Amino acid sequence: MWVKTAVLFLGLAALLISGCASKGYVNKRVDETRTEQQAQIDELKAKAALNTDDIQKLQTLSAQLTEKTNMALNQAAGFEKYQIIWEATIYYDFDSFELNQVAKDNLEELGVKMTDNPRALLELVGHTDQTGPSTYNIELGEKRAEAVKRYLIDNYGVALYRMFTVSQGEYKPVALPDERNAHSKNRRVVLKLWGELQ
């Protein structure tokens, strides 16, 4: 009888020990899974924070554009009589805001038109291709528009209040990524000269 009880007790002890070992293994796996999930959650939160920063920068740029537009409109009484009198697009090399000779030739025509029309206003919108982070592309688009503005100031004495710039970055492409030479078509500044109706 005593031997049977001892064997039963040992059997129960072995079951309990193996159960504890299985429970410990399960707990370990659960902890590992929780750690992996938390890392994924943290990564998603970091990405969401970056997107929030991008959205805030775009909202700030939009507010700046509105302010610049209002300033330009205030300088030009009777703006309702204005229309686009000249348009052009200037293209840039990859990751560059330097003006090439073709761009300067276009700007020569623009400079003459702005000199001949002292009340004309210029809208400059910078664009980029989709390469790189969106915040960088917004800044690059702005630098491209500012390069045109500086050229007109330095070479034709155009007053600052007559020009307003904004960057669309990569957000308004004229060519889709699967089109031929899409990137080179999207690296641009669009120029619109507004003048009074004759």
C-alpha atoms as a PDB file:
ATOM      1  CA  MET A   1       0.000   0.000   0.000  1.00  0.00           C
ATOM      2  CA  TRP A   2       2.769   2.343   0.954  1.00  0.00           C
ATOM      3  CA  VAL A   3       4.625   1.592  -2.284  1.00  0.00           C
ATOM      4  CA  LYS A   4       1.500   2.342  -4.343  1.00  0.00           C
ATOM      5  CA  THR A   5       1.055   5.683  -2.576  1.00  0.00           C
ATOM      6  CA  ALA A   6       4.720   6.611  -3.128  1.00  0.00           C
ATOM      7  CA  VAL A   7       4.466   5.753  -6.850  1.00  0.00           C
ATOM      8  CA  LEU A   8       1.260   7.803  -7.150  1.00  0.00           C
ATOM      9  CA  PHE A   9       2.877  10.720  -5.334  1.00  0.00           C
ATOM     10  CA  LEU A  10       5.956  10.569  -7.587  1.00  0.00           C
ATOM     11  CA  GLY A  11       3.716  10.445 -10.657  1.00  0.00           C
ATOM     12  CA  LEU A  12       1.803  13.531  -9.502  1.00  0.00           C
ATOM     13  CA  ALA A  13       5.050  15.333  -8.700  1.00  0.00           C
ATOM     14  CA  ALA A  14       6.367  14.561 -12.207  1.00  0.00           C
ATOM     15  CA  LEU A  15       3.153  15.843 -13.751  1.00  0.00           C
ATOM     16  CA  LEU A  16       3.305  19.026 -11.687  1.00  0.00           C
ATOM     17  CA  ILE A  17       6.961  19.587 -12.579  1.00  0.00           C
ATOM     18  CA  SER A  18       6.327  19.062 -16.292  1.00  0.00           C
ATOM     19  CA  GLY A  19       3.260  21.334 -16.050  1.00  0.00           C
ATOM     20  CA  CYS A  20       5.372  24.044 -14.426  1.00  0.00           C
ATOM     21  CA  ALA A  21       7.991  23.655 -17.106  1.00  0.00           C
ATOM     22  CA  SER A  22       5.345  23.966 -19.835  1.00  0.00           C
ATOM     23  CA  LYS A  23       3.796  26.960 -18.094  1.00  0.00           C
ATOM     24  CA  GLY A  24       7.219  28.603 -17.827  1.00  0.00           C
ATOM     25  CA  TYR A  25       7.858  28.003 -21.521  1.00  0.00           C
ATOM     26  CA  VAL A  26       4.468  29.424 -22.423  1.00  0.00           C
ATOM     27  CA  ASN A  27       5.084  32.479 -20.220  1.00  0.00           C
ATOM     28  CA  LYS A  28       8.453  32.995 -21.894  1.00  0.00           C
ATOM     29  CA  ARG A  29       6.908  32.819 -25.383  1.00  0.00           C
ATOM     30  CA  VAL A  30       4.115  35.209 -24.367  1.00  0.00           C
ATOM     31  CA  ASP A  31       6.700  37.705 -23.042  1.00  0.00           C
ATOM     32  CA  GLU A  32       8.703  37.448 -26.282  1.00  0.00           C
ATOM     33  CA  THR A  33       5.575  38.036 -28.351  1.00  0.00           C
ATOM     34  CA  ARG A  34       4.608  41.018 -26.201  1.00  0.00           C
ATOM     35  CA  THR A  35       8.088  42.498 -26.678  1.00  0.00           C
ATOM     36  CA  GLU A  36       7.877  42.061 -30.456  1.00  0.00           C
ATOM     37  CA  GLN A  37       4.410  43.600 -30.574  1.00  0.00           C
ATOM     38  CA  GLN A  38       5.513  46.548 -28.446  1.00  0.00           C
ATOM     39  CA  ALA A  39       8.461  47.157 -30.780  1.00  0.00           C
ATOM     40  CA  GLN A  40       6.071  47.174 -33.747  1.00  0.00           C
ATOM     41  CA  ILE A  41       3.710  49.566 -31.949  1.00  0.00           C
ATOM     42  CA  ASP A  42       6.622  51.885 -31.106  1.00  0.00           C
ATOM     43  CA  GLU A  43       7.744  51.844 -34.746  1.00  0.00           C
ATOM     44  CA  LEU A  44       4.231  52.701 -35.962  1.00  0.00           C
ATOM     45  CA  LYS A  45       4.007  55.526 -33.407  1.00  0.00           C
ATOM     46  CA  ALA A  46       7.333  56.941 -34.646  1.00  0.00           C
ATOM     47  CA  LYS A  47       6.113  56.839 -38.257  1.00  0.00           C
ATOM     48  CA  ALA A  48       2.850  58.508 -37.256  1.00  0.00           C
ATOM     49  CA  ALA A  49       4.804  61.259 -35.495  1.00  0.00           C
ATOM     50  CA  LEU A  50       6.853  61.853 -38.663  1.00  0.00           C
ATOM     51  CA  ASN A  51       3.657  62.060 -40.719  1.00  0.00           C
ATOM     52  CA  THR A  52       2.214  64.522 -38.204  1.00  0.00           C
ATOM     53  CA  ASP A  53       5.355  66.668 -38.533  1.00  0.00           C
ATOM     54  CA  ASP A  54       5.032  66.589 -42.339  1.00  0.00           C
ATOM     55  CA  ILE A  55       1.380  67.632 -42.129  1.00  0.00           C
ATOM     56  CA  GLN A  56       2.215  70.482 -39.749  1.00  0.00           C
ATOM     57  CA  LYS A  57       4.989  71.719 -42.074  1.00  0.00           C
ATOM     58  CA  LEU A  58       2.622  71.608 -45.051  1.00  0.00           C
ATOM     59  CA  GLN A  59      -0.009  73.540 -43.097  1.00  0.00           C
ATOM     60  CA  THR A  60       2.599  76.149 -42.170  1.00  0.00           C
ATOM     61  CA  LEU A  61       3.696  76.455 -45.796  1.00  0.00           C
ATOM     62  CA  SER A  62       0.075  76.805 -46.888  1.00  0.00           C
ATOM     63  CA  ALA A  63      -0.458  79.593 -44.353  1.00  0.00           C
ATOM     64  CA  GLN A  64       2.704  81.318 -45.594  1.00  0.00           C
ATOM     65  CA  LEU A  65       1.462  81.096 -49.185  1.00  0.00           C
ATOM     66  CA  THR A  66      -1.854  82.644 -48.199  1.00  0.00           C
ATOM     67  CA  GLU A  67      -0.054  85.454 -46.394  1.00  0.00           C
ATOM     68  CA  LYS A  68       2.274  86.092 -49.349  1.00  0.00           C
ATOM     69  CA  THR A  69      -0.641  86.039 -51.767  1.00  0.00           C
ATOM     70  CA  ASN A  70      -2.581  88.514 -49.645  1.00  0.00           C
ATOM     71  CA  MET A  71       0.449  90.807 -49.475  1.00  0.00           C
ATOM     72  CA  ALA A  72       0.825  90.691 -53.252  1.00  0.00           C
ATOM     73  CA  LEU A  73      -2.876  91.366 -53.761  1.00  0.00           C
ATOM     74  CA  ASN A  74      -2.767  94.318 -51.371  1.00  0.00           C
ATOM     75  CA  GLN A  75       0.136  95.805 -53.327  1.00  0.00           C
ATOM     76  CA  ALA A  76      -1.832  95.548 -56.561  1.00  0.00           C
ATOM     77  CA  ALA A  77      -5.046  97.526 -56.320  1.00  0.00           C
ATOM     78  CA  GLY A  78      -7.570  96.309 -58.855  1.00  0.00           C
ATOM     79  CA  PHE A  79      -6.201  92.747 -58.986  1.00  0.00           C
ATOM     80  CA  GLU A  80      -9.570  91.541 -60.245  1.00  0.00           C
ATOM     81  CA  LYS A  81      -8.551  93.020 -63.617  1.00  0.00           C
ATOM     82  CA  TYR A  82      -5.449  90.802 -63.782  1.00  0.00           C
ATOM     83  CA  GLN A  83      -4.923  87.777 -65.976  1.00  0.00           C
ATOM     84  CA  ILE A  84      -2.014  85.477 -66.803  1.00  0.00           C
ATOM     85  CA  ILE A  85       0.019  87.250 -69.508  1.00  0.00           C
ATOM     86  CA  TRP A  86       2.996  84.864 -69.646  1.00  0.00           C
ATOM     87  CA  GLU A  87       3.729  81.308 -68.492  1.00  0.00           C
ATOM     88  CA  ALA A  88       6.790  79.073 -68.492  1.00  0.00           C
ATOM     89  CA  THR A  89       8.288  76.084 -66.724  1.00  0.00           C
ATOM     90  CA  ILE A  90      11.919  75.809 -65.683  1.00  0.00           C
ATOM     91  CA  TYR A  91      13.440  72.354 -65.180  1.00  0.00           C
ATOM     92  CA  TYR A  92      16.202  71.266 -62.810  1.00  0.00           C
ATOM     93  CA  ASP A  93      18.762  68.510 -62.532  1.00  0.00           C
ATOM     94  CA  PHE A  94      18.388  65.827 -59.873  1.00  0.00           C
ATOM     95  CA  ASP A  95      18.640  67.194 -56.301  1.00  0.00           C
ATOM     96  CA  SER A  96      19.602  70.649 -57.611  1.00  0.00           C
ATOM     97  CA  PHE A  97      18.265  74.191 -57.460  1.00  0.00           C
ATOM     98  CA  GLU A  98      20.922  75.670 -59.757  1.00  0.00           C
ATOM     99  CA  LEU A  99      19.660  77.469 -62.870  1.00  0.00           C
ATOM    100  CA  ASN A 100      20.995  76.082 -66.162  1.00  0.00           C
ATOM    101  CA  GLN A 101      21.414  78.113 -69.357  1.00  0.00           C
ATOM    102  CA  VAL A 102      18.008  77.153 -70.766  1.00  0.00           C
ATOM    103  CA  ALA A 103      16.396  78.393 -67.546  1.00  0.00           C
ATOM    104  CA  LYS A 104      18.331  81.661 -67.717  1.00  0.00           C
ATOM    105  CA  ASP A 105      17.207  82.184 -71.326  1.00  0.00           C
ATOM    106  CA  ASN A 106      13.563  81.804 -70.216  1.00  0.00           C
ATOM    107  CA  LEU A 107      14.159  84.170 -67.324  1.00  0.00           C
ATOM    108  CA  GLU A 108      15.634  86.778 -69.657  1.00  0.00           C
ATOM    109  CA  GLU A 109      12.302  86.958 -71.474  1.00  0.00           C
ATOM    110  CA  LEU A 110      10.485  87.092 -68.127  1.00  0.00           C
ATOM    111  CA  GLY A 111      12.782  89.820 -66.774  1.00  0.00           C
ATOM    112  CA  VAL A 112      12.053  92.004 -69.816  1.00  0.00           C
ATOM    113  CA  LYS A 113       8.303  91.437 -69.432  1.00  0.00           C
ATOM    114  CA  MET A 114       8.428  92.350 -65.735  1.00  0.00           C
ATOM    115  CA  THR A 115      10.431  95.495 -66.523  1.00  0.00           C
ATOM    116  CA  ASP A 116       7.964  96.492 -69.235  1.00  0.00           C
ATOM    117  CA  ASN A 117       4.988  95.760 -66.933  1.00  0.00           C
ATOM    118  CA  PRO A 118       5.917  97.299 -63.556  1.00  0.00           C
ATOM    119  CA  ARG A 119       2.569  96.348 -62.003  1.00  0.00           C
ATOM    120  CA  ALA A 120       2.791  92.680 -63.067  1.00  0.00           C
ATOM    121  CA  LEU A 121       3.058  90.035 -60.342  1.00  0.00           C
ATOM    122  CA  LEU A 122       4.869  86.729 -60.552  1.00  0.00           C
ATOM    123  CA  GLU A 123       3.730  83.424 -59.073  1.00  0.00           C
ATOM    124  CA  LEU A 124       6.524  80.841 -58.626  1.00  0.00           C
ATOM    125  CA  VAL A 125       5.625  77.268 -57.657  1.00  0.00           C
ATOM    126  CA  GLY A 126       8.467  74.828 -56.947  1.00  0.00           C
ATOM    127  CA  HIS A 127       8.114  71.087 -57.533  1.00  0.00           C
ATOM    128  CA  THR A 128      10.271  67.966 -57.110  1.00  0.00           C
ATOM    129  CA  ASP A 129      10.183  64.335 -58.131  1.00  0.00           C
ATOM    130  CA  GLN A 130       9.213  61.655 -55.600  1.00  0.00           C
ATOM    131  CA  THR A 131      12.762  60.735 -54.628  1.00  0.00           C
ATOM    132  CA  GLY A 132      13.579  61.357 -50.966  1.00  0.00           C
ATOM    133  CA  PRO A 133      11.543  62.339 -47.888  1.00  0.00           C
ATOM    134  CA  SER A 134       8.579  64.669 -48.406  1.00  0.00           C
ATOM    135  CA  THR A 135       9.914  67.286 -45.963  1.00  0.00           C
ATOM    136  CA  TYR A 136      13.178  67.479 -47.906  1.00  0.00           C
ATOM    137  CA  ASN A 137      11.242  67.783 -51.165  1.00  0.00           C
ATOM    138  CA  ILE A 138       9.171  70.684 -49.814  1.00  0.00           C
ATOM    139  CA  GLU A 139      12.401  72.497 -48.905  1.00  0.00           C
ATOM    140  CA  LEU A 140      13.993  71.707 -52.279  1.00  0.00           C
ATOM    141  CA  GLY A 141      10.937  72.992 -54.152  1.00  0.00           C
ATOM    142  CA  GLU A 142      11.133  76.231 -52.161  1.00  0.00           C
ATOM    143  CA  LYS A 143      14.859  76.588 -52.935  1.00  0.00           C
ATOM    144  CA  ARG A 144      14.134  76.146 -56.634  1.00  0.00           C
ATOM    145  CA  ALA A 145      11.494  78.895 -56.599  1.00  0.00           C
ATOM    146  CA  GLU A 146      13.756  81.163 -54.530  1.00  0.00           C
ATOM    147  CA  ALA A 147      16.612  80.670 -57.032  1.00  0.00           C
ATOM    148  CA  VAL A 148      14.398  82.119 -59.775  1.00  0.00           C
ATOM    149  CA  LYS A 149      13.384  84.997 -57.523  1.00  0.00           C
ATOM    150  CA  ARG A 150      17.025  85.824 -56.682  1.00  0.00           C
ATOM    151  CA  TYR A 151      17.959  85.746 -60.359  1.00  0.00           C
ATOM    152  CA  LEU A 152      15.224  88.256 -61.220  1.00  0.00           C
ATOM    153  CA  ILE A 153      16.209  90.530 -58.335  1.00  0.00           C
ATOM    154  CA  ASP A 154      19.923  90.425 -59.179  1.00  0.00           C
ATOM    155  CA  ASN A 155      19.592  90.787 -62.961  1.00  0.00           C
ATOM    156  CA  TYR A 156      16.432  92.855 -63.443  1.00  0.00           C
ATOM    157  CA  GLY A 157      15.875  94.640 -60.117  1.00  0.00           C
ATOM    158  CA  VAL A 158      12.403  93.158 -59.690  1.00  0.00           C
ATOM    159  CA  ALA A 159      10.908  94.201 -56.337  1.00  0.00           C
ATOM    160  CA  LEU A 160      10.274  91.461 -53.787  1.00  0.00           C
ATOM    161  CA  TYR A 161       6.614  92.326 -53.287  1.00  0.00           C
ATOM    162  CA  ARG A 162       5.966  91.522 -56.957  1.00  0.00           C
ATOM    163  CA  MET A 163       6.938  87.855 -56.550  1.00  0.00           C
ATOM    164  CA  PHE A 164       5.542  85.167 -54.306  1.00  0.00           C
ATOM    165  CA  THR A 165       6.773  81.608 -53.988  1.00  0.00           C
ATOM    166  CA  VAL A 166       5.442  78.326 -52.713  1.00  0.00           C
ATOM    167  CA  SER A 167       6.621  74.744 -52.829  1.00  0.00           C
ATOM    168  CA  GLN A 168       4.426  71.786 -53.677  1.00  0.00           C
ATOM    169  CA  GLY A 169       7.342  69.365 -53.242  1.00  0.00           C
ATOM    170  CA  GLU A 170       6.434  65.987 -54.730  1.00  0.00           C
ATOM    171  CA  TYR A 171       2.675  66.412 -54.252  1.00  0.00           C
ATOM    172  CA  LYS A 172       1.597  67.732 -57.671  1.00  0.00           C
ATOM    173  CA  PRO A 173       3.470  65.737 -60.317  1.00  0.00           C
ATOM    174  CA  VAL A 174       2.816  66.372 -64.009  1.00  0.00           C
ATOM    175  CA  ALA A 175       4.141  62.926 -64.897  1.00  0.00           C
ATOM    176  CA  LEU A 176       3.348  59.647 -63.168  1.00  0.00           C
ATOM    177  CA  PRO A 177       6.228  57.395 -62.048  1.00  0.00           C
ATOM    178  CA  ASP A 178       5.628  54.868 -64.836  1.00  0.00           C
ATOM    179  CA  GLU A 179       5.891  57.521 -67.573  1.00  0.00           C
ATOM    180  CA  ARG A 180       9.098  57.989 -69.510  1.00  0.00           C
ATOM    181  CA  ASN A 181      11.405  60.631 -67.950  1.00  0.00           C
ATOM    182  CA  ALA A 182       8.802  61.246 -65.235  1.00  0.00           C
ATOM    183  CA  HIS A 183      11.340  62.389 -62.650  1.00  0.00           C
ATOM    184  CA  SER A 184      12.930  65.000 -64.929  1.00  0.00           C
ATOM    185  CA  LYS A 185       9.483  66.367 -65.895  1.00  0.00           C
ATOM    186  CA  ASN A 186       8.519  66.776 -62.242  1.00  0.00           C
ATOM    187  CA  ARG A 187      11.690  68.668 -61.182  1.00  0.00           C
ATOM    188  CA  ARG A 188      10.476  72.142 -62.063  1.00  0.00           C
ATOM    189  CA  VAL A 189       9.323  75.638 -61.175  1.00  0.00           C
ATOM    190  CA  VAL A 190       6.111  76.808 -62.800  1.00  0.00           C
ATOM    191  CA  LEU A 191       6.072  80.562 -63.520  1.00  0.00           C
ATOM    192  CA  LYS A 192       2.889  82.589 -64.064  1.00  0.00           C
ATOM    193  CA  LEU A 193       3.096  86.303 -64.710  1.00  0.00           C
ATOM    194  CA  TRP A 194      -0.094  88.150 -63.858  1.00  0.00           C
ATOM    195  CA  GLY A 195      -0.755  91.505 -65.530  1.00  0.00           C
ATOM    196  CA  GLU A 196      -3.593  93.967 -65.959  1.00  0.00           C
ATOM    197  CA  LEU A 197      -6.041  93.499 -68.794  1.00  0.00           C
ATOM    198  CA  GLN A 198      -5.389  96.028 -71.559  1.00  0.00           C
END
